Amino acid sequence: MALGRLLTGHGGERADGALITQARLYELGSRIGFVTRGRRYRELVRRSGAQPGDRVLDVGCGTGYLAGLAAHAVAPGGSVLGVDASEAMVKYARGVAGTPSCRFEAGTAQALPCGDAEFDVVLSSLMLHHVPDAGQPAALREMHRVLRPGGRLLLADFRPPTSRVMRRLVGALTGPRMLDAPDRRLVGLVRDTGFTVDDEGTLGILHYVSATA
């Protein structure tokens, strides 16, 4: 996952990526600001269709929280690989969630360090809006590449609040990018990459899309 100074290009398009380097602070903020994270993330894993024995990839794994939940869902016999562009996040995730069946590696969504058709399930939550707009189709193509035929994708991103007060608060804390409704881009990006969309919906501040390769 990425966070930091947000730069935009013409028309409000995101022209850069930004990296989270303060893993402990990020994790603390997630616990405070996303108090129902456990229930919602377990639901994301459930809706991904991850089953015992599956090979799962978590793109933009951050501190490893979602990857750890996925590891429980695919046990026994399954495995999870979490990939994040931030070395600091990968190091933190290895310390708190790393096990023989749940590994973490540094890498970008646009060039995943994985083989073709290597996974049964790809998960990604609150990552895509940190990828530059021009790079988002490449990230989806990589997710499609590493999934086996018939493999499943569960993609989730931030759903901006409707309350004027909350929108002002979110804008002040994160910058205007988070108010650009990144959730509205999900279905189009997924379909344009060749996935078949199976379902979409909301879970609190998250909007998710599930699809089949």
N, C-alpha and C. Protein backbone atom coordinates (compact mmCIF):
# COMPACT_ATOMS: atom_id res chain seq x y z
N MET A 1 0.85 -1.18 0.00
CA MET A 1 0.00 0.00 0.00
C MET A 1 0.89 1.24 0.00
N ALA A 2 0.29 2.34 -0.36
CA ALA A 2 1.08 3.55 -0.45
C ALA A 2 0.36 4.70 0.21
N LEU A 3 1.14 5.67 0.68
CA LEU A 3 0.56 6.82 1.33
C LEU A 3 1.61 7.90 1.31
N GLY A 4 1.20 9.15 1.39
CA GLY A 4 2.17 10.22 1.46
C GLY A 4 1.72 11.40 0.66
N ARG A 5 2.66 12.19 0.17
CA ARG A 5 2.34 13.38 -0.61
C ARG A 5 1.70 12.96 -1.92
N LEU A 6 0.53 13.49 -2.23
CA LEU A 6 -0.20 13.11 -3.41
C LEU A 6 -0.03 14.17 -4.49
N LEU A 7 0.42 13.76 -5.65
CA LEU A 7 0.59 14.67 -6.78
C LEU A 7 -0.42 14.32 -7.84
N THR A 8 -1.02 15.32 -8.46
CA THR A 8 -1.99 15.06 -9.51
C THR A 8 -1.56 15.71 -10.80
N GLY A 9 -1.96 15.11 -11.90
CA GLY A 9 -1.69 15.67 -13.21
C GLY A 9 -2.90 16.43 -13.70
N HIS A 10 -2.96 16.64 -15.01
CA HIS A 10 -4.08 17.39 -15.57
C HIS A 10 -5.39 16.63 -15.35
N GLY A 11 -6.45 17.37 -15.09
CA GLY A 11 -7.76 16.78 -14.91
C GLY A 11 -7.91 16.01 -13.62
N GLY A 12 -6.99 16.23 -12.68
CA GLY A 12 -7.07 15.55 -11.40
C GLY A 12 -6.55 14.14 -11.43
N GLU A 13 -5.94 13.70 -12.53
CA GLU A 13 -5.42 12.34 -12.58
C GLU A 13 -4.19 12.22 -11.71
N ARG A 14 -4.08 11.07 -11.08
CA ARG A 14 -2.93 10.80 -10.23
C ARG A 14 -1.73 10.48 -11.11
N ALA A 15 -0.64 11.24 -10.95
CA ALA A 15 0.51 11.09 -11.81
C ALA A 15 1.68 10.39 -11.12
N ASP A 16 1.58 10.18 -9.81
CA ASP A 16 2.69 9.55 -9.11
C ASP A 16 2.18 8.41 -8.25
N GLY A 17 3.10 7.69 -7.68
CA GLY A 17 2.76 6.76 -6.61
C GLY A 17 3.40 7.32 -5.35
N ALA A 18 2.95 6.88 -4.20
CA ALA A 18 3.55 7.33 -2.95
C ALA A 18 3.61 6.13 -2.02
N LEU A 19 4.62 6.12 -1.19
CA LEU A 19 4.94 4.90 -0.46
C LEU A 19 4.75 5.10 1.04
N ILE A 20 4.15 4.10 1.71
CA ILE A 20 4.06 4.09 3.16
C ILE A 20 5.38 3.54 3.70
N THR A 21 5.98 4.29 4.60
CA THR A 21 7.21 3.81 5.22
C THR A 21 7.08 3.64 6.73
N GLN A 22 6.01 4.18 7.32
CA GLN A 22 5.80 4.08 8.76
C GLN A 22 4.77 2.99 9.03
N ALA A 23 5.21 1.74 9.03
CA ALA A 23 4.30 0.61 9.12
C ALA A 23 3.55 0.57 10.44
N ARG A 24 4.24 0.80 11.53
CA ARG A 24 3.57 0.75 12.84
C ARG A 24 2.53 1.84 12.97
N LEU A 25 2.85 3.03 12.50
CA LEU A 25 1.90 4.13 12.56
C LEU A 25 0.70 3.84 11.68
N TYR A 26 0.95 3.27 10.50
CA TYR A 26 -0.14 2.92 9.60
C TYR A 26 -1.07 1.88 10.24
N GLU A 27 -0.47 0.88 10.86
CA GLU A 27 -1.27 -0.16 11.49
C GLU A 27 -2.10 0.41 12.63
N LEU A 28 -1.51 1.29 13.43
CA LEU A 28 -2.26 1.92 14.52
C LEU A 28 -3.41 2.75 13.97
N GLY A 29 -3.16 3.51 12.91
CA GLY A 29 -4.22 4.30 12.31
C GLY A 29 -5.34 3.44 11.76
N SER A 30 -4.98 2.29 11.19
CA SER A 30 -6.00 1.38 10.66
C SER A 30 -6.88 0.83 11.77
N ARG A 31 -6.27 0.51 12.89
CA ARG A 31 -7.04 -0.04 14.02
C ARG A 31 -7.99 1.00 14.59
N ILE A 32 -7.53 2.25 14.65
CA ILE A 32 -8.37 3.31 15.22
C ILE A 32 -9.44 3.75 14.23
N GLY A 33 -9.04 3.99 12.98
CA GLY A 33 -9.96 4.55 12.00
C GLY A 33 -10.84 3.53 11.32
N PHE A 34 -10.52 2.26 11.46
CA PHE A 34 -11.26 1.21 10.76
C PHE A 34 -11.59 0.15 11.80
N VAL A 35 -12.45 0.53 12.76
CA VAL A 35 -12.69 -0.29 13.94
C VAL A 35 -13.37 -1.62 13.62
N THR A 36 -14.01 -1.71 12.46
CA THR A 36 -14.65 -2.96 12.08
C THR A 36 -13.82 -3.70 11.03
N ARG A 37 -12.54 -3.43 10.99
CA ARG A 37 -11.69 -4.01 9.97
C ARG A 37 -11.75 -5.54 9.96
N GLY A 38 -11.69 -6.15 11.15
CA GLY A 38 -11.68 -7.61 11.21
C GLY A 38 -12.89 -8.24 10.54
N ARG A 39 -14.07 -7.75 10.89
CA ARG A 39 -15.29 -8.31 10.34
C ARG A 39 -15.37 -8.06 8.83
N ARG A 40 -15.04 -6.87 8.40
CA ARG A 40 -15.16 -6.54 6.97
C ARG A 40 -14.11 -7.30 6.14
N TYR A 41 -12.90 -7.41 6.65
CA TYR A 41 -11.86 -8.10 5.89
C TYR A 41 -12.10 -9.61 5.86
N ARG A 42 -12.63 -10.16 6.92
CA ARG A 42 -13.01 -11.58 6.86
C ARG A 42 -14.09 -11.80 5.81
N GLU A 43 -14.99 -10.82 5.68
CA GLU A 43 -16.04 -10.92 4.67
C GLU A 43 -15.45 -10.81 3.26
N LEU A 44 -14.44 -9.97 3.08
CA LEU A 44 -13.78 -9.89 1.79
C LEU A 44 -13.16 -11.24 1.42
N VAL A 45 -12.50 -11.87 2.38
CA VAL A 45 -11.90 -13.17 2.11
C VAL A 45 -12.98 -14.18 1.75
N ARG A 46 -14.09 -14.15 2.49
CA ARG A 46 -15.17 -15.09 2.20
C ARG A 46 -15.71 -14.88 0.79
N ARG A 47 -15.90 -13.61 0.41
CA ARG A 47 -16.47 -13.32 -0.90
C ARG A 47 -15.48 -13.61 -2.04
N SER A 48 -14.22 -13.73 -1.71
CA SER A 48 -13.23 -14.10 -2.73
C SER A 48 -13.35 -15.56 -3.11
N GLY A 49 -14.00 -16.36 -2.26
CA GLY A 49 -14.13 -17.78 -2.53
C GLY A 49 -12.91 -18.59 -2.15
N ALA A 50 -11.97 -17.99 -1.42
CA ALA A 50 -10.76 -18.72 -1.01
C ALA A 50 -11.13 -19.93 -0.16
N GLN A 51 -10.56 -21.07 -0.51
CA GLN A 51 -10.87 -22.34 0.15
C GLN A 51 -9.59 -23.04 0.58
N PRO A 52 -9.70 -24.00 1.51
CA PRO A 52 -8.51 -24.76 1.91
C PRO A 52 -7.78 -25.34 0.70
N GLY A 53 -6.48 -25.16 0.70
CA GLY A 53 -5.66 -25.66 -0.40
C GLY A 53 -5.38 -24.64 -1.49
N ASP A 54 -6.07 -23.50 -1.48
CA ASP A 54 -5.87 -22.49 -2.52
C ASP A 54 -4.54 -21.76 -2.35
N ARG A 55 -4.02 -21.28 -3.46
CA ARG A 55 -2.86 -20.39 -3.48
C ARG A 55 -3.37 -18.97 -3.68
N VAL A 56 -3.06 -18.09 -2.74
CA VAL A 56 -3.62 -16.74 -2.72
C VAL A 56 -2.49 -15.70 -2.82
N LEU A 57 -2.75 -14.66 -3.59
CA LEU A 57 -1.85 -13.51 -3.68
C LEU A 57 -2.58 -12.28 -3.16
N ASP A 58 -1.95 -11.54 -2.24
CA ASP A 58 -2.48 -10.28 -1.74
C ASP A 58 -1.61 -9.16 -2.30
N VAL A 59 -2.17 -8.37 -3.22
CA VAL A 59 -1.43 -7.30 -3.88
C VAL A 59 -1.59 -6.01 -3.09
N GLY A 60 -0.47 -5.42 -2.68
CA GLY A 60 -0.53 -4.25 -1.81
C GLY A 60 -0.87 -4.68 -0.41
N CYS A 61 -0.14 -5.66 0.10
CA CYS A 61 -0.51 -6.34 1.35
C CYS A 61 -0.34 -5.48 2.59
N GLY A 62 0.42 -4.37 2.48
CA GLY A 62 0.60 -3.51 3.65
C GLY A 62 1.20 -4.26 4.82
N THR A 63 0.58 -4.16 5.98
CA THR A 63 1.11 -4.78 7.19
C THR A 63 0.78 -6.26 7.30
N GLY A 64 0.11 -6.83 6.31
CA GLY A 64 -0.13 -8.26 6.28
C GLY A 64 -1.41 -8.72 6.93
N TYR A 65 -2.28 -7.78 7.30
CA TYR A 65 -3.49 -8.15 8.03
C TYR A 65 -4.43 -9.02 7.17
N LEU A 66 -4.73 -8.57 5.96
CA LEU A 66 -5.62 -9.33 5.09
C LEU A 66 -4.98 -10.65 4.68
N ALA A 67 -3.69 -10.65 4.42
CA ALA A 67 -2.99 -11.88 4.06
C ALA A 67 -3.08 -12.91 5.18
N GLY A 68 -2.97 -12.44 6.43
CA GLY A 68 -3.07 -13.35 7.56
C GLY A 68 -4.44 -13.99 7.66
N LEU A 69 -5.49 -13.21 7.41
CA LEU A 69 -6.84 -13.77 7.42
C LEU A 69 -7.01 -14.78 6.29
N ALA A 70 -6.45 -14.47 5.13
CA ALA A 70 -6.55 -15.39 4.01
C ALA A 70 -5.82 -16.69 4.30
N ALA A 71 -4.70 -16.61 5.01
CA ALA A 71 -3.94 -17.82 5.35
C ALA A 71 -4.78 -18.77 6.20
N HIS A 72 -5.57 -18.23 7.11
CA HIS A 72 -6.46 -19.07 7.91
C HIS A 72 -7.53 -19.72 7.02
N ALA A 73 -8.02 -18.96 6.04
CA ALA A 73 -9.10 -19.47 5.19
C ALA A 73 -8.64 -20.60 4.29
N VAL A 74 -7.37 -20.61 3.89
CA VAL A 74 -6.90 -21.63 2.94
C VAL A 74 -6.19 -22.78 3.63
N ALA A 75 -6.09 -22.74 4.95
CA ALA A 75 -5.51 -23.87 5.69
C ALA A 75 -6.56 -24.98 5.83
N PRO A 76 -6.14 -26.22 5.81
CA PRO A 76 -4.76 -26.68 5.60
C PRO A 76 -4.44 -26.80 4.13
N GLY A 77 -3.17 -26.78 3.83
CA GLY A 77 -2.71 -27.07 2.48
C GLY A 77 -2.56 -25.88 1.57
N GLY A 78 -3.11 -24.71 1.96
CA GLY A 78 -3.01 -23.54 1.10
C GLY A 78 -1.81 -22.68 1.44
N SER A 79 -1.64 -21.62 0.66
CA SER A 79 -0.53 -20.70 0.90
C SER A 79 -0.93 -19.30 0.47
N VAL A 80 -0.27 -18.30 1.06
CA VAL A 80 -0.53 -16.90 0.74
C VAL A 80 0.79 -16.18 0.51
N LEU A 81 0.84 -15.38 -0.53
CA LEU A 81 1.97 -14.50 -0.77
C LEU A 81 1.46 -13.07 -0.75
N GLY A 82 2.04 -12.24 0.10
CA GLY A 82 1.72 -10.82 0.13
C GLY A 82 2.81 -10.03 -0.56
N VAL A 83 2.43 -9.12 -1.44
CA VAL A 83 3.39 -8.29 -2.18
C VAL A 83 3.09 -6.83 -1.90
N ASP A 84 4.12 -6.07 -1.61
CA ASP A 84 3.95 -4.64 -1.37
C ASP A 84 5.17 -3.90 -1.88
N ALA A 85 4.96 -2.68 -2.37
CA ALA A 85 6.06 -1.88 -2.90
C ALA A 85 6.94 -1.31 -1.81
N SER A 86 6.46 -1.28 -0.57
CA SER A 86 7.20 -0.71 0.54
C SER A 86 7.98 -1.79 1.29
N GLU A 87 9.30 -1.65 1.29
CA GLU A 87 10.14 -2.60 2.02
C GLU A 87 9.83 -2.56 3.51
N ALA A 88 9.49 -1.38 4.01
CA ALA A 88 9.16 -1.26 5.44
C ALA A 88 7.91 -2.05 5.78
N MET A 89 6.90 -2.01 4.91
CA MET A 89 5.67 -2.76 5.16
C MET A 89 5.93 -4.26 5.07
N VAL A 90 6.74 -4.67 4.11
CA VAL A 90 7.05 -6.09 3.96
C VAL A 90 7.79 -6.60 5.20
N LYS A 91 8.73 -5.83 5.69
CA LYS A 91 9.47 -6.22 6.88
C LYS A 91 8.54 -6.36 8.08
N TYR A 92 7.63 -5.40 8.24
CA TYR A 92 6.68 -5.45 9.35
C TYR A 92 5.77 -6.67 9.21
N ALA A 93 5.25 -6.90 8.01
CA ALA A 93 4.34 -8.03 7.78
C ALA A 93 5.02 -9.36 8.09
N ARG A 94 6.28 -9.50 7.71
CA ARG A 94 7.01 -10.73 8.01
C ARG A 94 7.11 -10.96 9.50
N GLY A 95 7.23 -9.86 10.26
CA GLY A 95 7.37 -9.99 11.70
C GLY A 95 6.09 -10.35 12.41
N VAL A 96 4.94 -9.90 11.90
CA VAL A 96 3.68 -10.10 12.62
C VAL A 96 2.81 -11.19 12.01
N ALA A 97 2.96 -11.45 10.72
CA ALA A 97 2.04 -12.40 10.07
C ALA A 97 2.76 -13.48 9.27
N GLY A 98 4.08 -13.39 9.19
CA GLY A 98 4.82 -14.33 8.38
C GLY A 98 4.85 -15.73 8.98
N THR A 99 4.53 -16.72 8.18
CA THR A 99 4.61 -18.13 8.56
C THR A 99 5.06 -18.89 7.32
N PRO A 100 5.38 -20.18 7.45
CA PRO A 100 5.75 -20.93 6.25
C PRO A 100 4.68 -20.89 5.16
N SER A 101 3.42 -20.76 5.55
CA SER A 101 2.34 -20.73 4.55
C SER A 101 1.92 -19.32 4.18
N CYS A 102 2.52 -18.30 4.80
CA CYS A 102 2.15 -16.91 4.53
C CYS A 102 3.44 -16.10 4.42
N ARG A 103 3.85 -15.82 3.18
CA ARG A 103 5.12 -15.16 2.91
C ARG A 103 4.88 -13.75 2.36
N PHE A 104 5.93 -12.93 2.41
CA PHE A 104 5.82 -11.55 1.95
C PHE A 104 7.06 -11.19 1.14
N GLU A 105 6.83 -10.49 0.02
CA GLU A 105 7.91 -10.05 -0.85
C GLU A 105 7.65 -8.62 -1.30
N ALA A 106 8.73 -7.92 -1.59
CA ALA A 106 8.61 -6.57 -2.14
C ALA A 106 8.38 -6.66 -3.64
N GLY A 107 7.52 -5.80 -4.15
CA GLY A 107 7.23 -5.75 -5.58
C GLY A 107 6.08 -4.80 -5.84
N THR A 108 5.94 -4.38 -7.09
CA THR A 108 4.88 -3.45 -7.45
C THR A 108 3.72 -4.18 -8.11
N ALA A 109 2.56 -3.57 -8.05
CA ALA A 109 1.37 -4.16 -8.67
C ALA A 109 1.52 -4.22 -10.19
N GLN A 110 2.29 -3.30 -10.76
CA GLN A 110 2.45 -3.26 -12.21
C GLN A 110 3.47 -4.26 -12.72
N ALA A 111 4.24 -4.89 -11.84
CA ALA A 111 5.25 -5.88 -12.24
C ALA A 111 5.37 -6.90 -11.11
N LEU A 112 4.36 -7.72 -10.94
CA LEU A 112 4.33 -8.66 -9.83
C LEU A 112 5.44 -9.70 -9.96
N PRO A 113 6.12 -10.01 -8.85
CA PRO A 113 7.21 -10.99 -8.88
C PRO A 113 6.68 -12.42 -8.81
N CYS A 114 5.81 -12.78 -9.75
CA CYS A 114 5.10 -14.05 -9.72
C CYS A 114 5.03 -14.63 -11.12
N GLY A 115 4.85 -15.95 -11.20
CA GLY A 115 4.74 -16.62 -12.47
C GLY A 115 3.34 -16.57 -13.04
N ASP A 116 3.21 -16.90 -14.30
CA ASP A 116 1.91 -16.96 -14.95
C ASP A 116 1.06 -18.06 -14.32
N ALA A 117 -0.24 -17.78 -14.14
CA ALA A 117 -1.22 -18.76 -13.65
C ALA A 117 -0.77 -19.43 -12.35
N GLU A 118 -0.14 -18.67 -11.48
CA GLU A 118 0.42 -19.22 -10.25
C GLU A 118 -0.59 -19.32 -9.11
N PHE A 119 -1.67 -18.53 -9.19
CA PHE A 119 -2.57 -18.42 -8.04
C PHE A 119 -4.02 -18.78 -8.39
N ASP A 120 -4.72 -19.22 -7.35
CA ASP A 120 -6.16 -19.49 -7.46
C ASP A 120 -6.98 -18.26 -7.15
N VAL A 121 -6.47 -17.40 -6.27
CA VAL A 121 -7.19 -16.21 -5.82
C VAL A 121 -6.21 -15.04 -5.74
N VAL A 122 -6.65 -13.88 -6.20
CA VAL A 122 -5.91 -12.63 -6.00
C VAL A 122 -6.80 -11.68 -5.21
N LEU A 123 -6.25 -11.14 -4.12
CA LEU A 123 -6.92 -10.15 -3.29
C LEU A 123 -6.18 -8.82 -3.39
N SER A 124 -6.90 -7.74 -3.26
CA SER A 124 -6.25 -6.44 -3.16
C SER A 124 -7.23 -5.46 -2.54
N SER A 125 -6.82 -4.84 -1.45
CA SER A 125 -7.70 -3.91 -0.74
C SER A 125 -6.98 -2.61 -0.44
N LEU A 126 -7.62 -1.50 -0.76
CA LEU A 126 -7.12 -0.15 -0.47
C LEU A 126 -5.72 0.07 -1.04
N MET A 127 -5.46 -0.51 -2.19
CA MET A 127 -4.17 -0.35 -2.86
C MET A 127 -4.28 0.43 -4.15
N LEU A 128 -5.31 0.16 -4.95
CA LEU A 128 -5.32 0.62 -6.32
C LEU A 128 -5.30 2.14 -6.44
N HIS A 129 -5.94 2.85 -5.50
CA HIS A 129 -5.98 4.31 -5.65
C HIS A 129 -4.61 4.94 -5.42
N HIS A 130 -3.66 4.17 -4.91
CA HIS A 130 -2.31 4.68 -4.74
C HIS A 130 -1.47 4.51 -6.00
N VAL A 131 -1.94 3.73 -6.95
CA VAL A 131 -1.23 3.52 -8.21
C VAL A 131 -1.56 4.67 -9.15
N PRO A 132 -0.58 5.22 -9.85
CA PRO A 132 -0.89 6.28 -10.82
C PRO A 132 -1.98 5.83 -11.80
N ASP A 133 -2.84 6.75 -12.19
CA ASP A 133 -3.95 6.40 -13.07
C ASP A 133 -3.49 5.64 -14.31
N ALA A 134 -2.38 6.10 -14.90
CA ALA A 134 -1.90 5.46 -16.12
C ALA A 134 -1.40 4.04 -15.87
N GLY A 135 -1.04 3.73 -14.62
CA GLY A 135 -0.52 2.42 -14.30
C GLY A 135 -1.56 1.43 -13.83
N GLN A 136 -2.79 1.88 -13.58
CA GLN A 136 -3.80 0.98 -13.04
C GLN A 136 -4.19 -0.14 -14.01
N PRO A 137 -4.35 0.12 -15.31
CA PRO A 137 -4.63 -1.01 -16.22
C PRO A 137 -3.53 -2.06 -16.21
N ALA A 138 -2.27 -1.62 -16.12
CA ALA A 138 -1.16 -2.57 -16.06
C ALA A 138 -1.24 -3.42 -14.81
N ALA A 139 -1.64 -2.82 -13.68
CA ALA A 139 -1.79 -3.58 -12.44
C ALA A 139 -2.86 -4.65 -12.58
N LEU A 140 -3.97 -4.31 -13.22
CA LEU A 140 -5.04 -5.30 -13.43
C LEU A 140 -4.58 -6.39 -14.38
N ARG A 141 -3.82 -6.04 -15.40
CA ARG A 141 -3.32 -7.06 -16.33
C ARG A 141 -2.39 -8.03 -15.61
N GLU A 142 -1.59 -7.52 -14.69
CA GLU A 142 -0.71 -8.40 -13.92
C GLU A 142 -1.51 -9.35 -13.03
N MET A 143 -2.57 -8.85 -12.42
CA MET A 143 -3.42 -9.71 -11.60
C MET A 143 -4.05 -10.81 -12.44
N HIS A 144 -4.47 -10.45 -13.65
CA HIS A 144 -5.04 -11.44 -14.56
C HIS A 144 -3.99 -12.47 -14.98
N ARG A 145 -2.78 -12.00 -15.24
CA ARG A 145 -1.70 -12.89 -15.69
C ARG A 145 -1.36 -13.96 -14.67
N VAL A 146 -1.32 -13.59 -13.39
CA VAL A 146 -0.87 -14.54 -12.37
C VAL A 146 -1.98 -15.48 -11.90
N LEU A 147 -3.22 -15.22 -12.33
CA LEU A 147 -4.33 -16.11 -11.97
C LEU A 147 -4.43 -17.25 -12.96
N ARG A 148 -4.73 -18.43 -12.46
CA ARG A 148 -5.02 -19.56 -13.35
C ARG A 148 -6.36 -19.30 -14.04
N PRO A 149 -6.61 -19.93 -15.19
CA PRO A 149 -7.93 -19.82 -15.82
C PRO A 149 -9.02 -20.27 -14.85
N GLY A 150 -10.02 -19.44 -14.68
CA GLY A 150 -11.06 -19.73 -13.71
C GLY A 150 -10.74 -19.23 -12.31
N GLY A 151 -9.55 -18.65 -12.13
CA GLY A 151 -9.18 -18.09 -10.84
C GLY A 151 -10.02 -16.88 -10.49
N ARG A 152 -9.99 -16.49 -9.22
CA ARG A 152 -10.91 -15.47 -8.71
C ARG A 152 -10.16 -14.22 -8.23
N LEU A 153 -10.75 -13.07 -8.54
CA LEU A 153 -10.22 -11.78 -8.12
C LEU A 153 -11.20 -11.12 -7.17
N LEU A 154 -10.67 -10.56 -6.07
CA LEU A 154 -11.48 -9.74 -5.16
C LEU A 154 -10.72 -8.43 -4.98
N LEU A 155 -11.28 -7.37 -5.55
CA LEU A 155 -10.64 -6.06 -5.53
C LEU A 155 -11.52 -5.10 -4.73
N ALA A 156 -10.93 -4.40 -3.78
CA ALA A 156 -11.69 -3.46 -2.95
C ALA A 156 -10.93 -2.14 -2.84
N ASP A 157 -11.68 -1.06 -2.81
CA ASP A 157 -11.05 0.25 -2.64
C ASP A 157 -11.99 1.16 -1.84
N PHE A 158 -11.48 2.32 -1.53
CA PHE A 158 -12.14 3.26 -0.65
C PHE A 158 -13.42 3.82 -1.26
N ARG A 159 -14.46 3.87 -0.47
CA ARG A 159 -15.72 4.50 -0.88
C ARG A 159 -15.85 5.81 -0.10
N PRO A 160 -15.73 6.95 -0.78
CA PRO A 160 -15.75 8.24 -0.08
C PRO A 160 -17.05 8.44 0.70
N PRO A 161 -16.97 9.10 1.84
CA PRO A 161 -18.18 9.36 2.63
C PRO A 161 -19.11 10.33 1.92
N THR A 162 -20.39 10.22 2.20
CA THR A 162 -21.37 11.13 1.60
C THR A 162 -21.59 12.37 2.46
N SER A 163 -21.29 12.27 3.74
CA SER A 163 -21.45 13.40 4.63
C SER A 163 -20.46 14.51 4.28
N ARG A 164 -20.96 15.76 4.21
CA ARG A 164 -20.10 16.88 3.89
C ARG A 164 -19.00 17.04 4.93
N VAL A 165 -19.34 16.87 6.19
CA VAL A 165 -18.36 17.01 7.27
C VAL A 165 -17.27 15.95 7.13
N MET A 166 -17.69 14.69 6.89
CA MET A 166 -16.72 13.61 6.77
C MET A 166 -15.86 13.77 5.52
N ARG A 167 -16.45 14.26 4.45
CA ARG A 167 -15.66 14.48 3.23
C ARG A 167 -14.58 15.54 3.47
N ARG A 168 -14.92 16.59 4.20
CA ARG A 168 -13.94 17.62 4.49
C ARG A 168 -12.84 17.06 5.37
N LEU A 169 -13.21 16.21 6.32
CA LEU A 169 -12.22 15.61 7.21
C LEU A 169 -11.28 14.69 6.43
N VAL A 170 -11.86 13.83 5.59
CA VAL A 170 -11.05 12.91 4.79
C VAL A 170 -10.14 13.69 3.85
N GLY A 171 -10.67 14.74 3.21
CA GLY A 171 -9.86 15.54 2.32
C GLY A 171 -8.70 16.21 3.03
N ALA A 172 -8.95 16.68 4.26
CA ALA A 172 -7.89 17.34 5.02
C ALA A 172 -6.80 16.36 5.43
N LEU A 173 -7.19 15.12 5.73
CA LEU A 173 -6.23 14.12 6.21
C LEU A 173 -5.46 13.44 5.09
N THR A 174 -6.11 13.22 3.95
CA THR A 174 -5.51 12.40 2.91
C THR A 174 -5.27 13.12 1.60
N GLY A 175 -5.83 14.31 1.44
CA GLY A 175 -5.73 15.00 0.17
C GLY A 175 -6.92 14.67 -0.72
N PRO A 176 -7.07 15.39 -1.83
CA PRO A 176 -8.26 15.25 -2.68
C PRO A 176 -8.37 13.90 -3.38
N ARG A 177 -7.27 13.17 -3.50
CA ARG A 177 -7.32 11.90 -4.23
C ARG A 177 -8.36 10.95 -3.67
N MET A 178 -8.49 10.91 -2.36
CA MET A 178 -9.42 9.98 -1.73
C MET A 178 -10.87 10.38 -1.93
N LEU A 179 -11.10 11.62 -2.41
CA LEU A 179 -12.46 12.07 -2.67
C LEU A 179 -12.84 11.91 -4.14
N ASP A 180 -11.93 11.34 -4.93
CA ASP A 180 -12.18 11.16 -6.36
C ASP A 180 -12.98 9.91 -6.65
N ALA A 181 -13.55 9.29 -5.61
CA ALA A 181 -14.37 8.09 -5.75
C ALA A 181 -13.63 6.98 -6.51
N PRO A 182 -12.50 6.49 -5.95
CA PRO A 182 -11.77 5.43 -6.64
C PRO A 182 -12.60 4.17 -6.83
N ASP A 183 -13.64 4.00 -6.00
CA ASP A 183 -14.49 2.81 -6.13
C ASP A 183 -15.22 2.77 -7.47
N ARG A 184 -15.49 3.93 -8.06
CA ARG A 184 -16.24 3.97 -9.31
C ARG A 184 -15.43 3.45 -10.51
N ARG A 185 -14.12 3.37 -10.35
CA ARG A 185 -13.27 2.90 -11.43
C ARG A 185 -13.17 1.38 -11.47
N LEU A 186 -13.53 0.71 -10.38
CA LEU A 186 -13.19 -0.70 -10.24
C LEU A 186 -13.80 -1.58 -11.32
N VAL A 187 -15.12 -1.50 -11.50
CA VAL A 187 -15.79 -2.41 -12.44
C VAL A 187 -15.25 -2.23 -13.85
N GLY A 188 -15.08 -0.98 -14.29
CA GLY A 188 -14.58 -0.74 -15.62
C GLY A 188 -13.18 -1.30 -15.83
N LEU A 189 -12.30 -1.10 -14.85
CA LEU A 189 -10.95 -1.62 -14.96
C LEU A 189 -10.94 -3.14 -15.01
N VAL A 190 -11.76 -3.76 -14.16
CA VAL A 190 -11.81 -5.22 -14.11
C VAL A 190 -12.32 -5.79 -15.43
N ARG A 191 -13.40 -5.23 -15.94
CA ARG A 191 -13.96 -5.73 -17.20
C ARG A 191 -13.02 -5.49 -18.38
N ASP A 192 -12.38 -4.33 -18.41
CA ASP A 192 -11.49 -4.00 -19.51
C ASP A 192 -10.28 -4.93 -19.58
N THR A 193 -9.97 -5.56 -18.46
CA THR A 193 -8.82 -6.46 -18.40
C THR A 193 -9.18 -7.88 -18.85
N GLY A 194 -10.45 -8.16 -19.03
CA GLY A 194 -10.86 -9.48 -19.49
C GLY A 194 -11.47 -10.36 -18.43
N PHE A 195 -11.66 -9.82 -17.23
CA PHE A 195 -12.34 -10.57 -16.19
C PHE A 195 -13.85 -10.58 -16.43
N THR A 196 -14.52 -11.58 -15.90
CA THR A 196 -15.98 -11.60 -15.84
C THR A 196 -16.40 -11.19 -14.45
N VAL A 197 -17.12 -10.08 -14.33
CA VAL A 197 -17.54 -9.59 -13.02
C VAL A 197 -18.68 -10.46 -12.50
N ASP A 198 -18.51 -10.98 -11.30
CA ASP A 198 -19.52 -11.83 -10.68
C ASP A 198 -20.39 -11.09 -9.68
N ASP A 199 -19.79 -10.10 -9.00
CA ASP A 199 -20.53 -9.42 -7.94
C ASP A 199 -19.81 -8.12 -7.61
N GLU A 200 -20.56 -7.16 -7.08
CA GLU A 200 -19.97 -5.95 -6.51
C GLU A 200 -20.89 -5.45 -5.42
N GLY A 201 -20.32 -4.71 -4.48
CA GLY A 201 -21.13 -4.20 -3.38
C GLY A 201 -20.28 -3.38 -2.43
N THR A 202 -20.85 -3.00 -1.30
CA THR A 202 -20.15 -2.17 -0.33
C THR A 202 -20.09 -2.87 1.02
N LEU A 203 -19.00 -2.62 1.70
CA LEU A 203 -18.80 -3.07 3.08
C LEU A 203 -18.24 -1.89 3.86
N GLY A 204 -19.13 -1.08 4.43
CA GLY A 204 -18.68 0.10 5.14
C GLY A 204 -18.00 1.08 4.19
N ILE A 205 -16.74 1.41 4.48
CA ILE A 205 -16.00 2.35 3.66
C ILE A 205 -15.41 1.70 2.42
N LEU A 206 -15.63 0.42 2.24
CA LEU A 206 -15.07 -0.30 1.10
C LEU A 206 -16.13 -0.58 0.04
N HIS A 207 -15.70 -0.50 -1.22
CA HIS A 207 -16.51 -0.99 -2.34
C HIS A 207 -15.70 -2.12 -2.97
N TYR A 208 -16.33 -3.27 -3.19
CA TYR A 208 -15.59 -4.41 -3.70
C TYR A 208 -16.18 -4.89 -5.01
N VAL A 209 -15.32 -5.55 -5.79
CA VAL A 209 -15.73 -6.24 -7.02
C VAL A 209 -15.10 -7.61 -6.99
N SER A 210 -15.91 -8.64 -7.21
CA SER A 210 -15.38 -10.00 -7.35
C SER A 210 -15.57 -10.42 -8.80
N ALA A 211 -14.57 -11.14 -9.33
CA ALA A 211 -14.59 -11.49 -10.75
C ALA A 211 -13.82 -12.79 -10.97
N THR A 212 -14.01 -13.34 -12.16
CA THR A 212 -13.36 -14.59 -12.55
C THR A 212 -12.48 -14.35 -13.76
N ALA A 213 -11.29 -14.94 -13.74
CA ALA A 213 -10.38 -14.81 -14.87
C ALA A 213 -10.80 -15.72 -16.00
